[in-house]
C-alpha atoms as a PDB file:
ATOM      1  CA  MET A   1     -14.516 -51.136  20.007  1.00  0.00           C
ATOM      2  CA  GLY A   2     -13.774 -52.758  23.158  1.00  0.00           C
ATOM      3  CA  SER A   3     -13.339 -51.501  26.606  1.00  0.00           C
ATOM      4  CA  THR A   4      -9.852 -50.649  26.672  1.00  0.00           C
ATOM      5  CA  ASP A   5     -10.207 -49.167  23.453  1.00  0.00           C
ATOM      6  CA  GLU A   6     -12.864 -46.749  24.769  1.00  0.00           C
ATOM      7  CA  LEU A   7     -10.811 -46.017  28.029  1.00  0.00           C
ATOM      8  CA  ILE A   8      -7.833 -45.038  25.776  1.00  0.00           C
ATOM      9  CA  SER A   9     -10.564 -42.518  23.756  1.00  0.00           C
ATOM     10  CA  SER A  10     -11.525 -40.853  26.939  1.00  0.00           C
ATOM     11  CA  LEU A  11      -8.500 -40.630  28.253  1.00  0.00           C
ATOM     12  CA  ILE A  12      -6.837 -38.824  24.772  1.00  0.00           C
ATOM     13  CA  VAL A  13      -9.682 -36.420  24.879  1.00  0.00           C
ATOM     14  CA  GLU A  14      -8.829 -35.675  28.540  1.00  0.00           C
ATOM     15  CA  LEU A  15      -5.131 -35.059  27.587  1.00  0.00           C
ATOM     16  CA  LYS A  16      -6.298 -32.779  24.914  1.00  0.00           C
ATOM     17  CA  ARG A  17      -8.872 -30.899  26.833  1.00  0.00           C
ATOM     18  CA  GLY A  18      -5.618 -30.028  29.150  1.00  0.00           C
ATOM     19  CA  THR A  19      -4.230 -28.070  26.591  1.00  0.00           C
ATOM     20  CA  LEU A  20      -7.046 -25.949  24.826  1.00  0.00           C
ATOM     21  CA  VAL A  21      -6.736 -23.141  27.151  1.00  0.00           C
ATOM     22  CA  LEU A  22      -2.968 -22.679  26.258  1.00  0.00           C
ATOM     23  CA  SER A  23      -3.687 -23.468  22.485  1.00  0.00           C
ATOM     24  CA  VAL A  24      -5.924 -21.181  21.646  1.00  0.00           C
ATOM     25  CA  LEU A  25      -4.299 -18.191  23.908  1.00  0.00           C
ATOM     26  CA  SER A  26      -1.365 -18.831  22.019  1.00  0.00           C
ATOM     27  CA  GLN A  27      -3.147 -18.165  18.420  1.00  0.00           C
ATOM     28  CA  LEU A  28      -5.029 -14.541  19.826  1.00  0.00           C
ATOM     29  CA  ASN A  29      -2.064 -12.048  19.544  1.00  0.00           C
ATOM     30  CA  ASN A  30      -4.114 -10.776  16.317  1.00  0.00           C
ATOM     31  CA  PRO A  31      -7.935 -10.249  16.590  1.00  0.00           C
ATOM     32  CA  GLU A  32      -9.356 -13.613  15.262  1.00  0.00           C
ATOM     33  CA  TYR A  33     -13.205 -14.777  15.495  1.00  0.00           C
ATOM     34  CA  GLY A  34     -14.364 -18.347  16.323  1.00  0.00           C
ATOM     35  CA  TYR A  35     -14.498 -20.263  12.806  1.00  0.00           C
ATOM     36  CA  SER A  36     -10.987 -18.448  11.643  1.00  0.00           C
ATOM     37  CA  LEU A  37      -9.567 -19.692  15.076  1.00  0.00           C
ATOM     38  CA  VAL A  38     -11.015 -23.240  14.360  1.00  0.00           C
ATOM     39  CA  GLN A  39      -9.406 -22.879  10.937  1.00  0.00           C
ATOM     40  CA  LYS A  40      -6.117 -21.826  12.282  1.00  0.00           C
ATOM     41  CA  LEU A  41      -6.033 -24.473  14.992  1.00  0.00           C
ATOM     42  CA  GLU A  42      -6.520 -27.214  12.381  1.00  0.00           C
ATOM     43  CA  LYS A  43      -4.349 -26.233  10.067  1.00  0.00           C
ATOM     44  CA  LYS A  44      -1.778 -26.475  12.900  1.00  0.00           C
ATOM     45  CA  ASN A  45      -2.922 -30.332  13.762  1.00  0.00           C
ATOM     46  CA  VAL A  46      -5.111 -28.591  16.682  1.00  0.00           C
ATOM     47  CA  LEU A  47      -8.412 -30.043  16.089  1.00  0.00           C
ATOM     48  CA  ILE A  48     -11.408 -28.369  18.117  1.00  0.00           C
ATOM     49  CA  GLU A  49     -14.814 -28.543  17.621  1.00  0.00           C
ATOM     50  CA  ALA A  50     -16.876 -25.076  17.158  1.00  0.00           C
ATOM     51  CA  GLY A  51     -18.969 -26.642  20.029  1.00  0.00           C
ATOM     52  CA  THR A  52     -16.177 -26.955  22.371  1.00  0.00           C
ATOM     53  CA  LEU A  53     -14.146 -23.648  21.260  1.00  0.00           C
ATOM     54  CA  TYR A  54     -17.072 -21.042  21.746  1.00  0.00           C
ATOM     55  CA  PRO A  55     -17.840 -21.927  25.401  1.00  0.00           C
ATOM     56  CA  LEU A  56     -14.329 -21.682  25.919  1.00  0.00           C
ATOM     57  CA  LEU A  57     -13.995 -18.270  24.238  1.00  0.00           C
ATOM     58  CA  ARG A  58     -16.648 -16.808  26.440  1.00  0.00           C
ATOM     59  CA  ARG A  59     -15.372 -17.902  29.685  1.00  0.00           C
ATOM     60  CA  LEU A  60     -11.978 -17.189  28.938  1.00  0.00           C
ATOM     61  CA  GLU A  61     -13.144 -13.584  28.081  1.00  0.00           C
ATOM     62  CA  LYS A  62     -15.825 -13.643  31.411  1.00  0.00           C
ATOM     63  CA  GLN A  63     -12.253 -14.213  33.077  1.00  0.00           C
ATOM     64  CA  LYS A  64     -10.816 -11.623  31.564  1.00  0.00           C
ATOM     65  CA  LEU A  65      -7.606 -13.369  29.487  1.00  0.00           C
ATOM     66  CA  LEU A  66      -9.533 -11.908  26.093  1.00  0.00           C
ATOM     67  CA  THR A  67     -11.226  -9.211  25.146  1.00  0.00           C
ATOM     68  CA  SER A  68     -13.581  -9.242  21.995  1.00  0.00           C
ATOM     69  CA  LYS A  69     -15.166  -6.643  19.904  1.00  0.00           C
ATOM     70  CA  TRP A  70     -18.125  -7.055  17.249  1.00  0.00           C
ATOM     71  CA  ASP A  71     -17.520  -6.436  13.600  1.00  0.00           C
ATOM     72  CA  THR A  72     -20.465  -5.448  11.501  1.00  0.00           C
ATOM     73  CA  SER A  73     -19.201  -3.823   8.524  1.00  0.00           C
ATOM     74  CA  GLU A  74     -19.812  -7.244   6.574  1.00  0.00           C
ATOM     75  CA  SER A  75     -23.315  -8.714   5.869  1.00  0.00           C
ATOM     76  CA  ARG A  76     -22.703 -11.205   8.901  1.00  0.00           C
ATOM     77  CA  PRO A  77     -21.524  -9.352  12.262  1.00  0.00           C
ATOM     78  CA  ARG A  78     -18.575 -11.447  13.906  1.00  0.00           C
ATOM     79  CA  LYS A  79     -17.447 -10.999  17.316  1.00  0.00           C
ATOM     80  CA  PHE A  80     -13.598 -10.938  17.242  1.00  0.00           C
ATOM     81  CA  TYR A  81     -11.142 -12.183  20.306  1.00  0.00           C
ATOM     82  CA  LEU A  82      -7.791 -10.998  21.300  1.00  0.00           C
ATOM     83  CA  ILE A  83      -5.461 -11.662  24.309  1.00  0.00           C
ATOM     84  CA  SER A  84      -5.704  -9.292  27.120  1.00  0.00           C
ATOM     85  CA  ASP A  85      -2.764  -7.971  29.088  1.00  0.00           C
ATOM     86  CA  GLY A  86      -4.001 -10.475  31.918  1.00  0.00           C
ATOM     87  CA  GLY A  87      -4.537 -13.091  29.504  1.00  0.00           C
ATOM     88  CA  ARG A  88      -0.804 -12.594  27.750  1.00  0.00           C
ATOM     89  CA  GLU A  89       0.576 -12.937  31.496  1.00  0.00           C
ATOM     90  CA  VAL A  90      -1.492 -16.233  32.266  1.00  0.00           C
ATOM     91  CA  TYR A  91      -0.537 -17.275  28.932  1.00  0.00           C
ATOM     92  CA  HIS A  92       3.488 -16.856  29.876  1.00  0.00           C
ATOM     93  CA  ARG A  93       3.009 -18.358  33.160  1.00  0.00           C
ATOM     94  CA  LEU A  94       0.952 -21.334  31.338  1.00  0.00           C
ATOM     95  CA  LYS A  95       3.593 -21.990  28.847  1.00  0.00           C
ATOM     96  CA  SER A  96       6.657 -22.041  31.406  1.00  0.00           C
ATOM     97  CA  GLU A  97       4.476 -24.540  33.559  1.00  0.00           C
ATOM     98  CA  TRP A  98       3.795 -26.792  29.991  1.00  0.00           C
ATOM     99  CA  LYS A  99       7.638 -26.471  29.055  1.00  0.00           C
ATOM    100  CA  SER A 100       8.211 -28.047  32.751  1.00  0.00           C
ATOM    101  CA  LEU A 101       5.638 -30.425  32.626  1.00  0.00           C
ATOM    102  CA  SER A 102       6.473 -31.498  29.276  1.00  0.00           C
ATOM    103  CA  LYS A 103      10.313 -31.685  30.140  1.00  0.00           C
ATOM    104  CA  ASN A 104       9.506 -33.747  33.190  1.00  0.00           C
ATOM    105  CA  LEU A 105       7.439 -36.015  31.109  1.00  0.00           C
ATOM    106  CA  ASP A 106      10.016 -36.377  28.404  1.00  0.00           C
ATOM    107  CA  SER A 107      12.282 -37.621  30.944  1.00  0.00           C
ATOM    108  CA  LEU A 108      10.325 -40.283  32.399  1.00  0.00           C
ATOM    109  CA  LEU A 109       9.181 -41.766  29.578  1.00  0.00           C
ATOM    110  CA  MET A 110      12.608 -41.879  28.440  1.00  0.00           C
ATOM    111  CA  GLU A 111      13.480 -43.866  31.075  1.00  0.00           C
ATOM    112  CA  GLU A 112      11.525 -45.898  30.760  1.00  0.00           C
ATOM    113  CA  ASP A 113      11.781 -46.582  26.922  1.00  0.00           C
ATOM    114  CA  LYS A 114      15.419 -47.206  28.091  1.00  0.00           C
ATOM    115  CA  ASN A 115      14.189 -50.031  30.422  1.00  0.00           C
ATOM    116  CA  GLU A 116      12.395 -51.742  28.068  1.00  0.00           C
ATOM    117  CA  ILE A 117      15.271 -51.725  25.725  1.00  0.00           C
ATOM    118  CA  ASP A 118      17.106 -53.326  28.420  1.00  0.00           C
END
């Protein structure tokens, strides 16, 4: 793999990393444990490794954007996460910001595409 391919791969990872908080918050209106959340996101074509997700969940909980509760009713205890009221507010603000950024970026890219055609 050439240095350009490595650079592009690195930049793609950076782009995706910036969307993870929004992606995770969007899926926690109902309680989910880590592995179920990984599966849920994968079904929606958002790939996230468990080694990335679990530290993110702990950080979001520490920031009070998520609440958690242990379920010990089965043989294997599971920690379920749910978006908090404060997390919901943050989510809506991030979602609004994302839509604005996305709209502006789409405009820039369409302008650039049009210039390539001319």
